[in-house]
Amino acid sequence: MKKIILIIPLLIYQTMGCCSSVPVSAAITNSCTISNVGVMDFGNKSPGYVQNWSPFSSSFNVICTLQDTSINFNFDMGLNSDGANRQMKSTTANSFIKYQICPEDSCSEPTNSISVNAGTTILNVPVYAVTLKSAYMKLVGYIYKDLVTKNAKY
């Protein structure tokens, strides 16, 4: 954890014309705040084949107390993982849709982490997701959900 220490002299004037100084300091620890976390939502789909779905995007904001803070966001496998893939699970049946998280919209390289350099201004971090092309299955009218947790290391 990095600290910035600011020392600011504070002058105190006494009524008799003498003055003395008292040191004032503040320690600012390196911290980052994540906000405006978007929902990763494929939206409403007609029953059909998963393979035909387009990638979608979401994002979140990050701001840190120091400039050029390197942050690595690690995504877990979600609540419904089969051990190798993330999966959304039907809320009413034992049915799953496999998906992956990507750092870019082409989703050519799935990832479990995204690294960025953040600073003292808000940085918007995009996240993309796509259903796996091998998930060629015909769906019926269910709602599918998963919950993925991201941890930040800096």
Protein backbone atom coordinates (compact mmCIF):
# COMPACT_ATOMS: atom_id res chain seq x y z
CA MET A 1 0.00 0.00 0.00
CA LYS A 2 1.52 3.34 -1.03
CA LYS A 3 1.25 6.46 1.12
CA ILE A 4 1.63 10.11 0.30
CA ILE A 5 2.53 12.29 3.24
CA LEU A 6 1.85 16.02 2.97
CA ILE A 7 3.45 18.34 5.51
CA ILE A 8 2.00 21.83 5.56
CA PRO A 9 3.31 24.37 8.06
CA LEU A 10 0.51 26.18 9.84
CA LEU A 11 1.24 29.59 11.29
CA ILE A 12 -0.52 30.68 14.45
CA TYR A 13 -0.31 34.35 15.36
CA GLN A 14 -0.56 35.30 18.96
CA THR A 15 -1.95 38.61 20.12
CA MET A 16 1.41 39.79 21.48
CA GLY A 17 3.03 39.85 18.07
CA CYS A 18 4.95 36.59 18.43
CA CYS A 19 4.22 33.66 16.31
CA SER A 20 4.89 29.98 16.39
CA SER A 21 4.42 27.22 13.87
CA VAL A 22 2.66 23.92 14.25
CA PRO A 23 3.29 21.20 11.65
CA VAL A 24 0.20 19.75 9.98
CA SER A 25 0.33 16.50 8.02
CA ALA A 26 -1.99 14.11 6.20
CA ALA A 27 -1.34 10.54 5.05
CA ILE A 28 -3.21 9.49 1.93
CA THR A 29 -3.19 5.75 1.29
CA ASN A 30 -3.38 4.41 -2.21
CA SER A 31 -6.95 3.34 -2.71
CA CYS A 32 -9.29 2.88 -5.62
CA THR A 33 -13.07 3.07 -5.83
CA ILE A 34 -15.22 1.10 -8.26
CA SER A 35 -18.61 2.56 -9.19
CA ASN A 36 -21.37 2.44 -11.79
CA VAL A 37 -21.04 -1.29 -12.31
CA GLY A 38 -23.18 -2.16 -15.31
CA VAL A 39 -25.31 -5.28 -15.55
CA MET A 40 -24.04 -7.82 -18.06
CA ASP A 41 -27.32 -8.51 -19.80
CA PHE A 42 -27.77 -10.34 -23.11
CA GLY A 43 -31.27 -8.88 -23.18
CA ASN A 44 -34.54 -10.50 -24.20
CA LYS A 45 -34.07 -13.20 -26.80
CA SER A 46 -36.57 -15.19 -28.79
CA PRO A 47 -36.39 -18.93 -28.33
CA GLY A 48 -33.81 -20.24 -30.73
CA TYR A 49 -30.14 -21.08 -30.94
CA VAL A 50 -27.63 -19.51 -28.56
CA GLN A 51 -24.98 -19.50 -31.26
CA ASN A 52 -26.70 -16.63 -33.05
CA TRP A 53 -26.34 -14.12 -30.18
CA SER A 54 -24.05 -11.13 -30.64
CA PRO A 55 -21.50 -10.07 -28.02
CA PHE A 56 -22.65 -7.36 -25.64
CA SER A 57 -20.79 -4.85 -23.53
CA SER A 58 -20.97 -3.48 -20.05
CA SER A 59 -18.60 -1.32 -18.04
CA PHE A 60 -17.65 0.03 -14.65
CA ASN A 61 -15.78 3.12 -13.43
CA VAL A 62 -12.62 3.22 -11.34
CA ILE A 63 -10.84 6.15 -9.72
CA CYS A 64 -7.73 6.03 -7.51
CA THR A 65 -5.94 8.38 -5.13
CA LEU A 66 -2.66 8.12 -7.07
CA GLN A 67 -1.86 8.66 -10.74
CA ASP A 68 -0.72 5.68 -12.81
CA THR A 69 -2.04 3.01 -10.46
CA SER A 70 -1.81 -0.38 -12.14
CA ILE A 71 -4.92 -2.42 -11.30
CA ASN A 72 -5.69 -6.03 -12.16
CA PHE A 73 -9.37 -7.00 -11.98
CA ASN A 74 -9.80 -10.75 -11.52
CA PHE A 75 -13.16 -12.29 -12.38
CA ASP A 76 -14.21 -15.49 -10.65
CA MET A 77 -15.96 -18.29 -12.56
CA GLY A 78 -19.41 -17.30 -11.29
CA LEU A 79 -21.96 -19.24 -9.27
CA ASN A 80 -22.82 -21.78 -11.97
CA SER A 81 -19.44 -22.76 -13.41
CA ASP A 82 -18.93 -26.30 -14.64
CA GLY A 83 -15.27 -25.97 -13.60
CA ALA A 84 -14.06 -24.98 -17.06
CA ASN A 85 -16.67 -22.44 -18.22
CA ARG A 86 -18.87 -19.73 -16.83
CA GLN A 87 -22.55 -20.58 -17.19
CA MET A 88 -25.85 -18.82 -16.77
CA LYS A 89 -28.41 -21.10 -15.15
CA SER A 90 -32.12 -21.11 -15.82
CA THR A 91 -34.15 -19.84 -12.88
CA THR A 92 -36.84 -22.48 -13.50
CA ALA A 93 -35.09 -25.49 -15.01
CA ASN A 94 -31.75 -27.29 -14.89
CA SER A 95 -30.60 -25.66 -18.14
CA PHE A 96 -27.36 -23.71 -18.73
CA ILE A 97 -25.85 -21.32 -21.27
CA LYS A 98 -22.04 -21.16 -21.38
CA TYR A 99 -20.43 -17.72 -21.84
CA GLN A 100 -17.07 -16.00 -21.59
CA ILE A 101 -15.80 -12.58 -20.53
CA CYS A 102 -13.48 -10.66 -22.86
CA PRO A 103 -11.40 -7.48 -22.70
CA GLU A 104 -12.37 -6.41 -26.24
CA ASP A 105 -15.53 -6.51 -28.35
CA SER A 106 -14.29 -9.20 -30.75
CA CYS A 107 -14.02 -11.63 -27.79
CA SER A 108 -11.16 -13.33 -29.61
CA GLU A 109 -9.36 -14.02 -26.33
CA PRO A 110 -11.51 -14.85 -23.30
CA THR A 111 -10.08 -13.76 -20.00
CA ASN A 112 -10.36 -14.09 -16.26
CA SER A 113 -8.76 -10.68 -15.68
CA ILE A 114 -8.50 -7.19 -17.10
CA SER A 115 -5.57 -4.87 -16.34
CA VAL A 116 -5.74 -1.08 -16.54
CA ASN A 117 -3.80 1.97 -15.41
CA ALA A 118 -6.05 4.26 -13.42
CA GLY A 119 -5.48 7.62 -11.85
CA THR A 120 -7.15 10.53 -10.17
CA THR A 121 -9.74 10.96 -12.90
CA ILE A 122 -12.60 8.53 -13.53
CA LEU A 123 -11.64 5.75 -15.94
CA ASN A 124 -14.43 3.80 -17.66
CA VAL A 125 -13.45 0.13 -18.03
CA PRO A 126 -15.36 -1.79 -20.72
CA VAL A 127 -16.13 -5.49 -20.30
CA TYR A 128 -17.53 -7.71 -23.04
CA ALA A 129 -19.24 -11.09 -22.94
CA VAL A 130 -20.31 -13.61 -25.54
CA THR A 131 -21.95 -17.00 -25.45
CA LEU A 132 -19.65 -19.83 -26.43
CA LYS A 133 -19.95 -20.89 -30.05
CA SER A 134 -19.99 -24.49 -28.89
CA ALA A 135 -23.17 -23.69 -26.96
CA TYR A 136 -25.28 -24.66 -29.95
CA MET A 137 -28.49 -25.52 -28.19
CA LYS A 138 -32.09 -24.59 -28.76
CA LEU A 139 -33.55 -22.63 -25.87
CA VAL A 140 -37.04 -22.36 -24.55
CA GLY A 141 -38.49 -19.42 -22.61
CA TYR A 142 -36.46 -19.33 -19.39
CA ILE A 143 -34.57 -16.60 -17.55
CA TYR A 144 -30.86 -17.38 -17.23
CA LYS A 145 -28.63 -15.77 -14.59
CA ASP A 146 -25.16 -15.91 -13.09
CA LEU A 147 -23.19 -13.80 -10.64
CA VAL A 148 -19.52 -13.06 -11.29
CA THR A 149 -17.37 -11.36 -8.65
CA LYS A 150 -14.42 -9.17 -9.56
CA ASN A 151 -11.56 -8.49 -7.19
CA ALA A 152 -9.17 -5.56 -7.69
CA LYS A 153 -5.45 -5.87 -6.91
CA TYR A 154 -3.20 -2.82 -7.07
